[in-house]
Amino acid sequence: MSTPAAFKKELKALLAKYDAYIGFSCDEGSDTHGISGSRIVVGFDTFHCRAKDEIILAHEYYVSKEDL
């Protein structure tokens, strides 16, 4: 059984391998009155990321193994 520390270590290594990050994104029209198009994404090249370079992991506020 994996531990949270082992999971975090493996995830960190994977993100480093692909120079990637995991983040939250939403549609451009979203504001404090409402968020639309919420999604968890993986992006690459943190400083020059464009939406087309992102991989959508889930259209929710969490990612489960079924999403992948």
PDB file of N, CA and C in Angstrom:
ATOM      1  N   MET A   1       0.843  -1.176   0.000  1.00  0.00           N
ATOM      2  CA  MET A   1       0.000   0.000   0.000  1.00  0.00           C
ATOM      3  C   MET A   1       0.893   1.246   0.000  1.00  0.00           C
ATOM      4  N   SER A   2       0.590   2.169  -0.873  1.00  0.00           N
ATOM      5  CA  SER A   2       1.367   3.400  -0.963  1.00  0.00           C
ATOM      6  C   SER A   2       1.023   4.349   0.176  1.00  0.00           C
ATOM      7  N   THR A   3       1.982   5.133   0.550  1.00  0.00           N
ATOM      8  CA  THR A   3       1.758   6.158   1.566  1.00  0.00           C
ATOM      9  C   THR A   3       1.617   7.503   0.885  1.00  0.00           C
ATOM     10  N   PRO A   4       1.021   8.492   1.558  1.00  0.00           N
ATOM     11  CA  PRO A   4       0.946   9.827   0.965  1.00  0.00           C
ATOM     12  C   PRO A   4       2.320  10.373   0.584  1.00  0.00           C
ATOM     13  N   ALA A   5       3.335  10.100   1.387  1.00  0.00           N
ATOM     14  CA  ALA A   5       4.683  10.594   1.082  1.00  0.00           C
ATOM     15  C   ALA A   5       5.222   9.956  -0.196  1.00  0.00           C
ATOM     16  N   ALA A   6       4.989   8.663  -0.378  1.00  0.00           N
ATOM     17  CA  ALA A   6       5.454   7.977  -1.586  1.00  0.00           C
ATOM     18  C   ALA A   6       4.723   8.501  -2.814  1.00  0.00           C
ATOM     19  N   PHE A   7       3.413   8.704  -2.680  1.00  0.00           N
ATOM     20  CA  PHE A   7       2.622   9.248  -3.779  1.00  0.00           C
ATOM     21  C   PHE A   7       3.149  10.618  -4.183  1.00  0.00           C
ATOM     22  N   LYS A   8       3.370  11.479  -3.199  1.00  0.00           N
ATOM     23  CA  LYS A   8       3.860  12.832  -3.468  1.00  0.00           C
ATOM     24  C   LYS A   8       5.226  12.796  -4.140  1.00  0.00           C
ATOM     25  N   LYS A   9       6.089  11.895  -3.714  1.00  0.00           N
ATOM     26  CA  LYS A   9       7.428  11.764  -4.301  1.00  0.00           C
ATOM     27  C   LYS A   9       7.331  11.337  -5.765  1.00  0.00           C
ATOM     28  N   GLU A  10       6.476  10.360  -6.058  1.00  0.00           N
ATOM     29  CA  GLU A  10       6.308   9.895  -7.442  1.00  0.00           C
ATOM     30  C   GLU A  10       5.686  10.974  -8.318  1.00  0.00           C
ATOM     31  N   LEU A  11       4.703  11.680  -7.781  1.00  0.00           N
ATOM     32  CA  LEU A  11       4.056  12.752  -8.544  1.00  0.00           C
ATOM     33  C   LEU A  11       5.048  13.869  -8.840  1.00  0.00           C
ATOM     34  N   LYS A  12       5.849  14.231  -7.860  1.00  0.00           N
ATOM     35  CA  LYS A  12       6.865  15.270  -8.052  1.00  0.00           C
ATOM     36  C   LYS A  12       7.848  14.868  -9.149  1.00  0.00           C
ATOM     37  N   ALA A  13       8.279  13.611  -9.134  1.00  0.00           N
ATOM     38  CA  ALA A  13       9.216  13.124 -10.157  1.00  0.00           C
ATOM     39  C   ALA A  13       8.573  13.154 -11.542  1.00  0.00           C
ATOM     40  N   LEU A  14       7.314  12.789 -11.631  1.00  0.00           N
ATOM     41  CA  LEU A  14       6.613  12.798 -12.916  1.00  0.00           C
ATOM     42  C   LEU A  14       6.457  14.216 -13.450  1.00  0.00           C
ATOM     43  N   LEU A  15       6.074  15.150 -12.590  1.00  0.00           N
ATOM     44  CA  LEU A  15       5.948  16.546 -13.015  1.00  0.00           C
ATOM     45  C   LEU A  15       7.300  17.108 -13.450  1.00  0.00           C
ATOM     46  N   ALA A  16       8.359  16.747 -12.740  1.00  0.00           N
ATOM     47  CA  ALA A  16       9.700  17.209 -13.111  1.00  0.00           C
ATOM     48  C   ALA A  16      10.131  16.610 -14.448  1.00  0.00           C
ATOM     49  N   LYS A  17       9.829  15.339 -14.657  1.00  0.00           N
ATOM     50  CA  LYS A  17      10.204  14.662 -15.906  1.00  0.00           C
ATOM     51  C   LYS A  17       9.619  15.367 -17.125  1.00  0.00           C
ATOM     52  N   TYR A  18       8.375  15.816 -17.012  1.00  0.00           N
ATOM     53  CA  TYR A  18       7.690  16.450 -18.136  1.00  0.00           C
ATOM     54  C   TYR A  18       7.637  17.968 -18.034  1.00  0.00           C
ATOM     55  N   ASP A  19       8.314  18.553 -17.045  1.00  0.00           N
ATOM     56  CA  ASP A  19       8.294  19.998 -16.823  1.00  0.00           C
ATOM     57  C   ASP A  19       6.848  20.492 -16.861  1.00  0.00           C
ATOM     58  N   ALA A  20       6.021  19.865 -16.025  1.00  0.00           N
ATOM     59  CA  ALA A  20       4.588  20.116 -16.047  1.00  0.00           C
ATOM     60  C   ALA A  20       4.089  20.588 -14.685  1.00  0.00           C
ATOM     61  N   TYR A  21       2.852  21.049 -14.668  1.00  0.00           N
ATOM     62  CA  TYR A  21       2.188  21.432 -13.427  1.00  0.00           C
ATOM     63  C   TYR A  21       0.729  21.004 -13.508  1.00  0.00           C
ATOM     64  N   ILE A  22       0.066  20.923 -12.381  1.00  0.00           N
ATOM     65  CA  ILE A  22      -1.353  20.628 -12.315  1.00  0.00           C
ATOM     66  C   ILE A  22      -2.038  21.881 -11.790  1.00  0.00           C
ATOM     67  N   GLY A  23      -3.095  22.300 -12.454  1.00  0.00           N
ATOM     68  CA  GLY A  23      -3.761  23.520 -12.042  1.00  0.00           C
ATOM     69  C   GLY A  23      -5.257  23.489 -12.289  1.00  0.00           C
ATOM     70  N   PHE A  24      -5.899  24.586 -11.944  1.00  0.00           N
ATOM     71  CA  PHE A  24      -7.331  24.780 -12.142  1.00  0.00           C
ATOM     72  C   PHE A  24      -7.514  25.799 -13.253  1.00  0.00           C
ATOM     73  N   SER A  25      -8.487  25.577 -14.105  1.00  0.00           N
ATOM     74  CA  SER A  25      -8.780  26.517 -15.176  1.00  0.00           C
ATOM     75  C   SER A  25     -10.289  26.660 -15.299  1.00  0.00           C
ATOM     76  N   CYS A  26     -10.719  27.730 -15.947  1.00  0.00           N
ATOM     77  CA  CYS A  26     -12.147  27.940 -16.183  1.00  0.00           C
ATOM     78  C   CYS A  26     -12.300  28.812 -17.424  1.00  0.00           C
ATOM     79  N   ASP A  27     -13.533  28.970 -17.862  1.00  0.00           N
ATOM     80  CA  ASP A  27     -13.797  29.773 -19.049  1.00  0.00           C
ATOM     81  C   ASP A  27     -13.456  31.233 -18.800  1.00  0.00           C
ATOM     82  N   GLU A  28     -13.119  31.958 -19.856  1.00  0.00           N
ATOM     83  CA  GLU A  28     -12.733  33.367 -19.740  1.00  0.00           C
ATOM     84  C   GLU A  28     -13.826  34.237 -19.140  1.00  0.00           C
ATOM     85  N   GLY A  29     -15.082  33.917 -19.371  1.00  0.00           N
ATOM     86  CA  GLY A  29     -16.178  34.726 -18.877  1.00  0.00           C
ATOM     87  C   GLY A  29     -16.482  34.521 -17.391  1.00  0.00           C
ATOM     88  N   SER A  30     -15.758  33.644 -16.737  1.00  0.00           N
ATOM     89  CA  SER A  30     -15.993  33.382 -15.317  1.00  0.00           C
ATOM     90  C   SER A  30     -15.544  34.566 -14.476  1.00  0.00           C
ATOM     91  N   ASP A  31     -16.278  34.811 -13.383  1.00  0.00           N
ATOM     92  CA  ASP A  31     -15.916  35.888 -12.463  1.00  0.00           C
ATOM     93  C   ASP A  31     -16.439  35.544 -11.075  1.00  0.00           C
ATOM     94  N   THR A  32     -16.441  36.496 -10.180  1.00  0.00           N
ATOM     95  CA  THR A  32     -16.881  36.231  -8.810  1.00  0.00           C
ATOM     96  C   THR A  32     -18.372  35.948  -8.707  1.00  0.00           C
ATOM     97  N   HIS A  33     -19.102  36.155  -9.781  1.00  0.00           N
ATOM     98  CA  HIS A  33     -20.537  35.877  -9.781  1.00  0.00           C
ATOM     99  C   HIS A  33     -20.841  34.469 -10.280  1.00  0.00           C
ATOM    100  N   GLY A  34     -19.861  33.823 -10.860  1.00  0.00           N
ATOM    101  CA  GLY A  34     -20.080  32.466 -11.349  1.00  0.00           C
ATOM    102  C   GLY A  34     -18.902  31.947 -12.134  1.00  0.00           C
ATOM    103  N   ILE A  35     -18.629  30.684 -11.959  1.00  0.00           N
ATOM    104  CA  ILE A  35     -17.535  30.036 -12.680  1.00  0.00           C
ATOM    105  C   ILE A  35     -18.151  29.033 -13.646  1.00  0.00           C
ATOM    106  N   SER A  36     -17.722  29.097 -14.895  1.00  0.00           N
ATOM    107  CA  SER A  36     -18.190  28.126 -15.881  1.00  0.00           C
ATOM    108  C   SER A  36     -16.987  27.440 -16.506  1.00  0.00           C
ATOM    109  N   GLY A  37     -17.212  26.235 -16.948  1.00  0.00           N
ATOM    110  CA  GLY A  37     -16.153  25.483 -17.598  1.00  0.00           C
ATOM    111  C   GLY A  37     -15.027  25.094 -16.659  1.00  0.00           C
ATOM    112  N   SER A  38     -15.333  24.822 -15.399  1.00  0.00           N
ATOM    113  CA  SER A  38     -14.282  24.463 -14.439  1.00  0.00           C
ATOM    114  C   SER A  38     -13.627  23.151 -14.838  1.00  0.00           C
ATOM    115  N   ARG A  39     -12.304  23.078 -14.661  1.00  0.00           N
ATOM    116  CA  ARG A  39     -11.567  21.873 -15.027  1.00  0.00           C
ATOM    117  C   ARG A  39     -10.213  21.847 -14.345  1.00  0.00           C
ATOM    118  N   ILE A  40      -9.705  20.652 -14.112  1.00  0.00           N
ATOM    119  CA  ILE A  40      -8.357  20.429 -13.609  1.00  0.00           C
ATOM    120  C   ILE A  40      -7.507  20.098 -14.831  1.00  0.00           C
ATOM    121  N   VAL A  41      -6.382  20.781 -14.971  1.00  0.00           N
ATOM    122  CA  VAL A  41      -5.558  20.619 -16.162  1.00  0.00           C
ATOM    123  C   VAL A  41      -4.105  20.323 -15.802  1.00  0.00           C
ATOM    124  N   VAL A  42      -3.403  19.760 -16.772  1.00  0.00           N
ATOM    125  CA  VAL A  42      -1.949  19.647 -16.699  1.00  0.00           C
ATOM    126  C   VAL A  42      -1.422  20.563 -17.773  1.00  0.00           C
ATOM    127  N   GLY A  43      -0.520  21.443 -17.394  1.00  0.00           N
ATOM    128  CA  GLY A  43       0.084  22.353 -18.353  1.00  0.00           C
ATOM    129  C   GLY A  43       1.577  22.125 -18.424  1.00  0.00           C
ATOM    130  N   PHE A  44       2.174  22.580 -19.486  1.00  0.00           N
ATOM    131  CA  PHE A  44       3.601  22.419 -19.720  1.00  0.00           C
ATOM    132  C   PHE A  44       4.235  23.778 -19.967  1.00  0.00           C
ATOM    133  N   ASP A  45       5.517  23.912 -19.660  1.00  0.00           N
ATOM    134  CA  ASP A  45       6.237  25.167 -19.855  1.00  0.00           C
ATOM    135  C   ASP A  45       5.519  26.286 -19.104  1.00  0.00           C
ATOM    136  N   THR A  46       5.610  26.266 -17.807  1.00  0.00           N
ATOM    137  CA  THR A  46       4.863  27.128 -16.898  1.00  0.00           C
ATOM    138  C   THR A  46       4.830  28.598 -17.305  1.00  0.00           C
ATOM    139  N   PHE A  47       5.917  29.142 -17.805  1.00  0.00           N
ATOM    140  CA  PHE A  47       5.973  30.573 -18.073  1.00  0.00           C
ATOM    141  C   PHE A  47       5.370  30.974 -19.407  1.00  0.00           C
ATOM    142  N   HIS A  48       5.137  30.040 -20.283  1.00  0.00           N
ATOM    143  CA  HIS A  48       4.582  30.364 -21.592  1.00  0.00           C
ATOM    144  C   HIS A  48       3.387  29.482 -21.924  1.00  0.00           C
ATOM    145  N   CYS A  49       2.663  29.080 -20.913  1.00  0.00           N
ATOM    146  CA  CYS A  49       1.554  28.155 -21.108  1.00  0.00           C
ATOM    147  C   CYS A  49       0.414  28.822 -21.869  1.00  0.00           C
ATOM    148  N   ARG A  50      -0.112  28.084 -22.817  1.00  0.00           N
ATOM    149  CA  ARG A  50      -1.295  28.502 -23.565  1.00  0.00           C
ATOM    150  C   ARG A  50      -2.348  27.427 -23.363  1.00  0.00           C
ATOM    151  N   ALA A  51      -3.603  27.809 -23.399  1.00  0.00           N
ATOM    152  CA  ALA A  51      -4.686  26.855 -23.156  1.00  0.00           C
ATOM    153  C   ALA A  51      -4.579  25.639 -24.071  1.00  0.00           C
ATOM    154  N   LYS A  52      -4.126  25.836 -25.310  1.00  0.00           N
ATOM    155  CA  LYS A  52      -4.044  24.702 -26.227  1.00  0.00           C
ATOM    156  C   LYS A  52      -2.970  23.699 -25.812  1.00  0.00           C
ATOM    157  N   ASP A  53      -2.058  24.105 -24.937  1.00  0.00           N
ATOM    158  CA  ASP A  53      -1.007  23.208 -24.469  1.00  0.00           C
ATOM    159  C   ASP A  53      -1.426  22.415 -23.237  1.00  0.00           C
ATOM    160  N   GLU A  54      -2.602  22.694 -22.708  1.00  0.00           N
ATOM    161  CA  GLU A  54      -3.062  22.015 -21.508  1.00  0.00           C
ATOM    162  C   GLU A  54      -3.788  20.713 -21.843  1.00  0.00           C
ATOM    163  N   ILE A  55      -3.654  19.760 -20.951  1.00  0.00           N
ATOM    164  CA  ILE A  55      -4.401  18.508 -21.036  1.00  0.00           C
ATOM    165  C   ILE A  55      -5.466  18.569 -19.948  1.00  0.00           C
ATOM    166  N   ILE A  56      -6.711  18.396 -20.313  1.00  0.00           N
ATOM    167  CA  ILE A  56      -7.782  18.414 -19.322  1.00  0.00           C
ATOM    168  C   ILE A  56      -7.850  17.049 -18.656  1.00  0.00           C
ATOM    169  N   LEU A  57      -7.679  17.032 -17.333  1.00  0.00           N
ATOM    170  CA  LEU A  57      -7.768  15.786 -16.575  1.00  0.00           C
ATOM    171  C   LEU A  57      -9.203  15.491 -16.175  1.00  0.00           C
ATOM    172  N   ALA A  58      -9.954  16.519 -15.826  1.00  0.00           N
ATOM    173  CA  ALA A  58     -11.337  16.321 -15.378  1.00  0.00           C
ATOM    174  C   ALA A  58     -12.102  17.626 -15.490  1.00  0.00           C
ATOM    175  N   HIS A  59     -13.387  17.518 -15.704  1.00  0.00           N
ATOM    176  CA  HIS A  59     -14.267  18.689 -15.745  1.00  0.00           C
ATOM    177  C   HIS A  59     -14.969  18.845 -14.404  1.00  0.00           C
ATOM    178  N   GLU A  60     -14.241  18.787 -13.347  1.00  0.00           N
ATOM    179  CA  GLU A  60     -14.751  18.897 -11.983  1.00  0.00           C
ATOM    180  C   GLU A  60     -13.682  19.588 -11.144  1.00  0.00           C
ATOM    181  N   TYR A  61     -13.817  19.472  -9.837  1.00  0.00           N
ATOM    182  CA  TYR A  61     -12.842  20.057  -8.922  1.00  0.00           C
ATOM    183  C   TYR A  61     -11.931  18.995  -8.330  1.00  0.00           C
ATOM    184  N   TYR A  62     -11.934  17.824  -8.894  1.00  0.00           N
ATOM    185  CA  TYR A  62     -11.083  16.731  -8.421  1.00  0.00           C
ATOM    186  C   TYR A  62     -10.789  15.799  -9.590  1.00  0.00           C
ATOM    187  N   VAL A  63      -9.777  14.974  -9.441  1.00  0.00           N
ATOM    188  CA  VAL A  63      -9.419  13.983 -10.462  1.00  0.00           C
ATOM    189  C   VAL A  63      -9.406  12.624  -9.787  1.00  0.00           C
ATOM    190  N   SER A  64     -10.100  11.671 -10.382  1.00  0.00           N
ATOM    191  CA  SER A  64     -10.091  10.303  -9.867  1.00  0.00           C
ATOM    192  C   SER A  64      -9.460   9.394 -10.912  1.00  0.00           C
ATOM    193  N   LYS A  65      -9.175   8.183 -10.523  1.00  0.00           N
ATOM    194  CA  LYS A  65      -8.549   7.241 -11.464  1.00  0.00           C
ATOM    195  C   LYS A  65      -9.478   6.975 -12.656  1.00  0.00           C
ATOM    196  N   GLU A  66     -10.781   7.091 -12.461  1.00  0.00           N
ATOM    197  CA  GLU A  66     -11.713   6.888 -13.569  1.00  0.00           C
ATOM    198  C   GLU A  66     -11.598   8.000 -14.624  1.00  0.00           C
ATOM    199  N   ASP A  67     -11.188   9.187 -14.200  1.00  0.00           N
ATOM    200  CA  ASP A  67     -11.003  10.301 -15.137  1.00  0.00           C
ATOM    201  C   ASP A  67      -9.822  10.056 -16.064  1.00  0.00           C
ATOM    202  N   LEU A  68      -8.845   9.318 -15.587  1.00  0.00           N
ATOM    203  CA  LEU A  68      -7.640   9.090 -16.372  1.00  0.00           C
ATOM    204  C   LEU A  68      -7.800   7.856 -17.228  1.00  0.00           C
TER     205      LEU A  68
END
